[in-house]
């Protein structure tokens, strides 16, 4: 099944072998528990309004992608708050890149298939990782 990322009229086809690694681990419910002054357990629970992480990851030497496509993704990731449409597993999500709040967290990760001192747009990279956050919150 194909995976597409759309920014306005520009559509990128992403590698088909990307795996959505956190698809089933996110919960739509957020919960906090605490003890009241008399020892009674107080549970606050509510539905989350958007924010699902979507991490697409290549497995080892898979998810090959051209340098040209990576350069486009890199440019898009440099636009704060850019909303895009991700189509995966016959579903569409409005997403933004997840830059995280730690320096080690990056919206993109990859490795070159062959190291060149002067890479060209046709050269390939593999083990691609793309991190997004669903941004379809409703007010």
N, C-alpha and C. Protein backbone atom coordinates (compact mmCIF):
# COMPACT_ATOMS: atom_id res chain seq x y z
N UNK A 1 0.84 -1.17 0.00
CA UNK A 1 0.00 0.00 0.00
C UNK A 1 0.89 1.24 0.00
N UNK A 2 0.56 2.19 -0.83
CA UNK A 2 1.37 3.40 -0.97
C UNK A 2 1.13 4.35 0.21
N UNK A 3 2.16 5.16 0.47
CA UNK A 3 2.10 6.16 1.53
C UNK A 3 2.40 7.50 0.86
N UNK A 4 1.52 8.49 1.08
CA UNK A 4 1.69 9.79 0.46
C UNK A 4 1.68 10.88 1.51
N UNK A 5 2.52 11.91 1.30
CA UNK A 5 2.55 13.10 2.14
C UNK A 5 2.29 14.28 1.23
N UNK A 6 1.27 15.07 1.55
CA UNK A 6 0.85 16.17 0.69
C UNK A 6 1.01 17.50 1.41
N UNK A 7 1.62 18.44 0.71
CA UNK A 7 1.76 19.82 1.18
C UNK A 7 1.18 20.70 0.08
N UNK A 8 -0.05 21.15 0.27
CA UNK A 8 -0.72 21.93 -0.77
C UNK A 8 -0.93 21.07 -2.00
N UNK A 9 -0.38 21.52 -3.14
CA UNK A 9 -0.52 20.75 -4.39
C UNK A 9 0.63 19.78 -4.60
N UNK A 10 1.65 19.84 -3.76
CA UNK A 10 2.82 18.97 -3.92
C UNK A 10 2.63 17.68 -3.14
N UNK A 11 2.79 16.54 -3.84
CA UNK A 11 2.60 15.23 -3.24
C UNK A 11 3.90 14.43 -3.32
N UNK A 12 4.33 13.90 -2.19
CA UNK A 12 5.50 13.02 -2.16
C UNK A 12 5.04 11.60 -1.89
N UNK A 13 5.52 10.66 -2.69
CA UNK A 13 5.27 9.25 -2.40
C UNK A 13 6.41 8.77 -1.54
N UNK A 14 6.08 8.26 -0.37
CA UNK A 14 7.08 7.76 0.57
C UNK A 14 7.29 6.27 0.35
N UNK A 15 8.42 5.74 0.81
CA UNK A 15 8.68 4.30 0.63
C UNK A 15 7.55 3.45 1.21
N UNK A 16 7.14 2.44 0.45
CA UNK A 16 6.02 1.57 0.84
C UNK A 16 6.35 0.70 2.05
N UNK A 17 7.64 0.48 2.30
CA UNK A 17 8.00 -0.42 3.39
C UNK A 17 8.25 0.30 4.72
N UNK A 18 7.79 1.55 4.82
CA UNK A 18 7.82 2.22 6.12
C UNK A 18 6.78 1.57 7.03
N UNK A 19 7.16 1.36 8.27
CA UNK A 19 6.27 0.73 9.24
C UNK A 19 5.80 1.80 10.23
N UNK A 20 4.51 1.84 10.48
CA UNK A 20 3.94 2.76 11.46
C UNK A 20 4.10 2.10 12.82
N UNK A 21 5.21 2.40 13.50
CA UNK A 21 5.60 1.64 14.69
C UNK A 21 4.77 1.93 15.93
N UNK A 22 4.13 3.10 16.00
CA UNK A 22 3.35 3.42 17.19
C UNK A 22 1.86 3.54 16.90
N UNK A 23 1.41 2.86 15.85
CA UNK A 23 0.02 2.94 15.43
C UNK A 23 -0.97 2.56 16.53
N UNK A 24 -0.68 1.48 17.24
CA UNK A 24 -1.65 0.95 18.20
C UNK A 24 -1.27 1.20 19.66
N UNK A 25 -0.25 2.00 19.90
CA UNK A 25 0.19 2.21 21.29
C UNK A 25 -0.34 3.49 21.91
N UNK A 26 -0.85 4.41 21.12
CA UNK A 26 -1.35 5.68 21.63
C UNK A 26 -2.76 5.51 22.16
N UNK A 27 -3.06 6.15 23.26
CA UNK A 27 -4.40 6.08 23.84
C UNK A 27 -5.12 7.40 23.66
N UNK A 28 -6.40 7.34 23.31
CA UNK A 28 -7.21 8.54 23.18
C UNK A 28 -7.65 9.08 24.53
N UNK A 29 -7.30 8.37 25.59
CA UNK A 29 -7.69 8.77 26.94
C UNK A 29 -6.43 9.17 27.72
N UNK A 30 -6.53 10.28 28.41
CA UNK A 30 -5.47 10.70 29.33
C UNK A 30 -6.05 10.62 30.73
N UNK A 31 -5.23 10.15 31.66
CA UNK A 31 -5.74 9.89 33.01
C UNK A 31 -4.70 10.30 34.04
N UNK A 32 -5.19 10.84 35.16
CA UNK A 32 -4.31 11.19 36.27
C UNK A 32 -4.99 10.71 37.55
N UNK A 33 -4.20 10.12 38.42
CA UNK A 33 -4.75 9.67 39.71
C UNK A 33 -3.99 10.35 40.83
N UNK A 34 -4.69 10.59 41.92
CA UNK A 34 -4.06 11.13 43.13
C UNK A 34 -4.93 10.78 44.33
N UNK A 35 -4.37 10.90 45.49
CA UNK A 35 -5.11 10.62 46.73
C UNK A 35 -5.61 11.94 47.31
N UNK A 36 -6.88 11.92 47.72
CA UNK A 36 -7.45 13.07 48.39
C UNK A 36 -6.94 13.16 49.81
N UNK A 37 -7.32 14.20 50.51
CA UNK A 37 -6.83 14.45 51.86
C UNK A 37 -7.19 13.33 52.84
N UNK A 38 -8.29 12.60 52.57
CA UNK A 38 -8.69 11.49 53.45
C UNK A 38 -8.27 10.14 52.89
N UNK A 39 -7.39 10.13 51.90
CA UNK A 39 -6.88 8.88 51.34
C UNK A 39 -7.71 8.30 50.21
N UNK A 40 -8.76 9.00 49.82
CA UNK A 40 -9.62 8.52 48.75
C UNK A 40 -8.91 8.69 47.41
N UNK A 41 -9.00 7.66 46.57
CA UNK A 41 -8.41 7.74 45.24
C UNK A 41 -9.29 8.60 44.34
N UNK A 42 -8.67 9.61 43.71
CA UNK A 42 -9.37 10.50 42.79
C UNK A 42 -8.80 10.23 41.40
N UNK A 43 -9.68 9.87 40.48
CA UNK A 43 -9.25 9.58 39.11
C UNK A 43 -9.87 10.60 38.17
N UNK A 44 -9.01 11.33 37.48
CA UNK A 44 -9.46 12.26 36.44
C UNK A 44 -9.11 11.63 35.10
N UNK A 45 -10.10 11.51 34.22
CA UNK A 45 -9.87 10.96 32.89
C UNK A 45 -10.63 11.79 31.87
N UNK A 46 -10.03 11.96 30.72
CA UNK A 46 -10.69 12.70 29.66
C UNK A 46 -10.15 12.26 28.30
N UNK A 47 -10.91 12.53 27.27
CA UNK A 47 -10.49 12.18 25.92
C UNK A 47 -9.45 13.20 25.43
N UNK A 48 -8.44 12.72 24.77
CA UNK A 48 -7.46 13.60 24.14
C UNK A 48 -8.05 14.16 22.86
N UNK A 49 -7.64 15.35 22.54
CA UNK A 49 -8.14 16.04 21.36
C UNK A 49 -7.00 16.19 20.36
N UNK A 50 -6.72 15.13 19.59
CA UNK A 50 -5.60 15.15 18.64
C UNK A 50 -4.28 14.86 19.34
N UNK A 51 -3.21 14.94 18.59
CA UNK A 51 -1.88 14.78 19.16
C UNK A 51 -1.29 13.39 19.05
N UNK A 52 -1.93 12.49 18.32
CA UNK A 52 -1.39 11.13 18.19
C UNK A 52 -0.04 11.17 17.48
N UNK A 53 0.99 10.53 18.07
CA UNK A 53 2.26 10.43 17.35
C UNK A 53 2.15 9.44 16.20
N UNK A 54 2.77 9.78 15.09
CA UNK A 54 2.82 8.87 13.94
C UNK A 54 4.29 8.77 13.54
N UNK A 55 4.91 7.65 13.90
CA UNK A 55 6.31 7.43 13.59
C UNK A 55 6.39 6.37 12.50
N UNK A 56 6.94 6.76 11.35
CA UNK A 56 7.13 5.84 10.23
C UNK A 56 8.60 5.49 10.18
N UNK A 57 8.89 4.19 10.17
CA UNK A 57 10.27 3.75 10.32
C UNK A 57 10.60 2.61 9.38
N UNK A 58 11.75 2.73 8.76
CA UNK A 58 12.28 1.63 7.96
C UNK A 58 12.93 0.60 8.86
N UNK A 59 12.96 -0.62 8.42
CA UNK A 59 13.51 -1.70 9.22
C UNK A 59 14.88 -2.06 8.68
N UNK A 60 15.93 -1.68 9.38
CA UNK A 60 17.28 -2.02 8.96
C UNK A 60 17.67 -1.36 7.66
N UNK A 61 17.77 -2.13 6.60
CA UNK A 61 18.26 -1.62 5.33
C UNK A 61 17.10 -1.33 4.36
N UNK A 62 15.91 -1.10 4.88
CA UNK A 62 14.75 -0.86 4.02
C UNK A 62 14.42 0.63 3.97
N UNK A 63 13.28 0.93 3.36
CA UNK A 63 12.78 2.30 3.23
C UNK A 63 13.79 3.20 2.50
N UNK A 64 14.14 2.79 1.29
CA UNK A 64 15.06 3.56 0.48
C UNK A 64 14.33 4.77 -0.07
N UNK A 65 15.02 5.91 -0.06
CA UNK A 65 14.43 7.16 -0.51
C UNK A 65 15.52 8.00 -1.17
N UNK A 66 15.16 8.73 -2.20
CA UNK A 66 16.17 9.51 -2.93
C UNK A 66 16.54 10.77 -2.15
N UNK A 67 17.73 11.24 -2.39
CA UNK A 67 18.21 12.47 -1.77
C UNK A 67 17.30 13.64 -2.14
N UNK A 68 16.80 13.68 -3.37
CA UNK A 68 15.92 14.76 -3.80
C UNK A 68 14.66 14.81 -2.95
N UNK A 69 14.06 13.64 -2.69
CA UNK A 69 12.86 13.60 -1.86
C UNK A 69 13.19 13.99 -0.42
N UNK A 70 14.35 13.55 0.07
CA UNK A 70 14.77 13.94 1.42
C UNK A 70 14.97 15.44 1.53
N UNK A 71 15.51 16.05 0.49
CA UNK A 71 15.71 17.50 0.51
C UNK A 71 14.37 18.23 0.58
N UNK A 72 13.36 17.71 -0.11
CA UNK A 72 12.02 18.30 -0.02
C UNK A 72 11.46 18.14 1.39
N UNK A 73 11.59 16.93 1.96
CA UNK A 73 11.12 16.70 3.33
C UNK A 73 11.84 17.61 4.31
N UNK A 74 13.13 17.77 4.13
CA UNK A 74 13.93 18.64 5.01
C UNK A 74 13.44 20.08 4.92
N UNK A 75 13.14 20.55 3.71
CA UNK A 75 12.63 21.91 3.54
C UNK A 75 11.27 22.07 4.23
N UNK A 76 10.41 21.08 4.06
CA UNK A 76 9.09 21.14 4.70
C UNK A 76 9.23 21.12 6.22
N UNK A 77 10.16 20.32 6.73
CA UNK A 77 10.32 20.22 8.19
C UNK A 77 10.87 21.52 8.78
N UNK A 78 11.44 22.37 7.94
CA UNK A 78 11.97 23.65 8.41
C UNK A 78 10.93 24.75 8.48
N UNK A 79 9.67 24.43 8.16
CA UNK A 79 8.58 25.41 8.23
C UNK A 79 7.76 25.14 9.48
N UNK A 80 7.95 25.94 10.54
CA UNK A 80 7.27 25.67 11.81
C UNK A 80 5.75 25.58 11.65
N UNK A 81 5.17 24.51 12.17
CA UNK A 81 3.73 24.35 12.18
C UNK A 81 3.09 24.00 10.85
N UNK A 82 3.92 23.65 9.84
CA UNK A 82 3.37 23.30 8.53
C UNK A 82 2.45 22.10 8.66
N UNK A 83 1.20 22.25 8.23
CA UNK A 83 0.24 21.15 8.26
C UNK A 83 0.20 20.48 6.90
N UNK A 84 0.31 19.15 6.93
CA UNK A 84 0.33 18.35 5.72
C UNK A 84 -0.70 17.24 5.88
N UNK A 85 -1.00 16.57 4.78
CA UNK A 85 -1.89 15.41 4.81
C UNK A 85 -1.07 14.16 4.57
N UNK A 86 -1.17 13.22 5.49
CA UNK A 86 -0.49 11.93 5.37
C UNK A 86 -1.55 10.88 5.07
N UNK A 87 -1.36 10.16 3.97
CA UNK A 87 -2.27 9.06 3.62
C UNK A 87 -1.52 7.75 3.80
N UNK A 88 -2.00 6.95 4.74
CA UNK A 88 -1.37 5.68 5.06
C UNK A 88 -2.45 4.69 5.52
N UNK A 89 -2.33 3.45 5.13
CA UNK A 89 -3.27 2.39 5.52
C UNK A 89 -4.71 2.80 5.23
N UNK A 90 -4.94 3.40 4.07
CA UNK A 90 -6.27 3.82 3.61
C UNK A 90 -6.92 4.86 4.51
N UNK A 91 -6.12 5.57 5.30
CA UNK A 91 -6.62 6.65 6.16
C UNK A 91 -5.84 7.92 5.86
N UNK A 92 -6.45 9.05 6.15
CA UNK A 92 -5.77 10.33 6.00
C UNK A 92 -5.69 11.02 7.35
N UNK A 93 -4.53 11.65 7.60
CA UNK A 93 -4.29 12.36 8.84
C UNK A 93 -3.71 13.73 8.51
N UNK A 94 -4.17 14.73 9.22
CA UNK A 94 -3.52 16.04 9.14
C UNK A 94 -2.39 16.00 10.15
N UNK A 95 -1.16 16.26 9.69
CA UNK A 95 0.02 16.09 10.54
C UNK A 95 0.95 17.30 10.47
N UNK A 96 1.78 17.42 11.50
CA UNK A 96 2.92 18.33 11.51
C UNK A 96 4.14 17.48 11.86
N UNK A 97 5.33 17.94 11.50
CA UNK A 97 6.54 17.23 11.90
C UNK A 97 6.69 17.31 13.41
N UNK A 98 7.13 16.21 14.02
CA UNK A 98 7.38 16.15 15.46
C UNK A 98 8.86 16.41 15.69
N UNK A 99 9.18 17.62 16.10
CA UNK A 99 10.58 17.98 16.37
C UNK A 99 10.96 17.67 17.81
N UNK A 100 9.98 17.27 18.62
CA UNK A 100 10.27 16.91 20.00
C UNK A 100 10.69 18.10 20.83
N UNK A 101 10.98 17.83 22.08
CA UNK A 101 11.43 18.90 22.95
C UNK A 101 12.84 18.63 23.49
N UNK A 102 13.50 17.64 22.92
CA UNK A 102 14.87 17.33 23.30
C UNK A 102 15.75 17.39 22.04
N UNK A 103 16.97 17.79 22.21
CA UNK A 103 17.87 17.92 21.07
C UNK A 103 18.06 16.61 20.33
N UNK A 104 17.92 15.47 21.03
CA UNK A 104 18.12 14.17 20.40
C UNK A 104 16.92 13.77 19.53
N UNK A 105 15.77 14.40 19.74
CA UNK A 105 14.58 14.06 18.97
C UNK A 105 14.59 14.87 17.68
N UNK A 106 14.46 14.18 16.58
CA UNK A 106 14.45 14.86 15.29
C UNK A 106 13.27 14.37 14.48
N UNK A 107 12.77 15.24 13.64
CA UNK A 107 11.64 14.90 12.79
C UNK A 107 12.02 13.86 11.75
N UNK A 108 13.30 13.80 11.40
CA UNK A 108 13.77 12.88 10.36
C UNK A 108 15.09 12.24 10.77
N UNK A 109 15.27 11.00 10.34
CA UNK A 109 16.55 10.32 10.51
C UNK A 109 16.72 9.37 9.33
N UNK A 110 17.95 9.16 8.91
CA UNK A 110 18.22 8.26 7.79
C UNK A 110 19.72 8.00 7.74
N UNK A 111 20.11 7.07 6.88
CA UNK A 111 21.54 6.85 6.64
C UNK A 111 21.74 6.64 5.15
N UNK A 112 22.88 7.07 4.66
CA UNK A 112 23.13 6.90 3.23
C UNK A 112 23.44 5.44 2.93
N UNK A 113 23.00 4.99 1.76
CA UNK A 113 23.28 3.62 1.33
C UNK A 113 24.76 3.48 1.03
N UNK A 114 25.31 4.44 0.30
CA UNK A 114 26.74 4.52 0.02
C UNK A 114 27.18 5.94 0.31
N UNK A 115 28.27 6.07 1.03
CA UNK A 115 28.79 7.40 1.37
C UNK A 115 29.51 8.00 0.17
N UNK A 116 29.07 9.18 -0.24
CA UNK A 116 29.73 9.94 -1.31
C UNK A 116 30.18 11.27 -0.75
N UNK A 117 31.31 11.76 -1.23
CA UNK A 117 31.76 13.08 -0.79
C UNK A 117 30.96 14.18 -1.47
N UNK A 118 30.39 13.89 -2.61
CA UNK A 118 29.58 14.86 -3.33
C UNK A 118 28.26 14.21 -3.79
N UNK A 119 27.34 13.96 -2.84
CA UNK A 119 26.10 13.25 -3.18
C UNK A 119 25.26 14.01 -4.20
N UNK A 120 24.52 13.25 -4.99
CA UNK A 120 23.64 13.81 -6.00
C UNK A 120 22.19 13.49 -5.64
N UNK A 121 21.26 14.19 -6.27
CA UNK A 121 19.84 14.01 -5.95
C UNK A 121 19.34 12.60 -6.23
N UNK A 122 19.99 11.87 -7.11
CA UNK A 122 19.57 10.51 -7.44
C UNK A 122 20.10 9.46 -6.46
N UNK A 123 21.02 9.84 -5.59
CA UNK A 123 21.58 8.91 -4.61
C UNK A 123 20.51 8.53 -3.59
N UNK A 124 20.65 7.32 -3.03
CA UNK A 124 19.64 6.81 -2.11
C UNK A 124 20.12 6.76 -0.68
N UNK A 125 19.15 6.93 0.21
CA UNK A 125 19.34 6.78 1.64
C UNK A 125 18.37 5.69 2.10
N UNK A 126 18.64 5.08 3.25
CA UNK A 126 17.78 4.01 3.75
C UNK A 126 17.57 4.18 5.25
N UNK A 127 16.86 3.22 5.83
CA UNK A 127 16.54 3.24 7.26
C UNK A 127 15.89 4.57 7.66
N UNK A 128 15.01 5.03 6.82
CA UNK A 128 14.32 6.30 7.03
C UNK A 128 13.42 6.24 8.26
N UNK A 129 13.41 7.31 9.03
CA UNK A 129 12.48 7.48 10.14
C UNK A 129 11.86 8.87 9.99
N UNK A 130 10.54 8.93 9.99
CA UNK A 130 9.82 10.20 9.95
C UNK A 130 8.91 10.26 11.16
N UNK A 131 8.96 11.38 11.87
CA UNK A 131 8.13 11.55 13.08
C UNK A 131 7.13 12.68 12.85
N UNK A 132 5.86 12.35 13.04
CA UNK A 132 4.79 13.31 12.88
C UNK A 132 3.92 13.32 14.13
N UNK A 133 3.11 14.37 14.25
CA UNK A 133 2.07 14.44 15.27
C UNK A 133 0.77 14.77 14.55
N UNK A 134 -0.27 14.03 14.86
CA UNK A 134 -1.58 14.33 14.27
C UNK A 134 -2.03 15.70 14.79
N UNK A 135 -2.45 16.54 13.86
CA UNK A 135 -2.80 17.92 14.21
C UNK A 135 -4.23 18.23 13.81
N UNK A 136 -5.13 17.29 14.03
CA UNK A 136 -6.53 17.48 13.62
C UNK A 136 -7.42 17.81 14.81
N UNK A 137 -6.87 18.52 15.78
CA UNK A 137 -7.64 18.85 16.97
C UNK A 137 -8.87 19.68 16.58
N UNK A 138 -9.92 19.49 17.32
CA UNK A 138 -11.13 20.27 17.12
C UNK A 138 -11.34 21.15 18.34
N UNK A 139 -11.82 22.33 18.13
CA UNK A 139 -12.03 23.26 19.26
C UNK A 139 -13.47 23.30 19.68
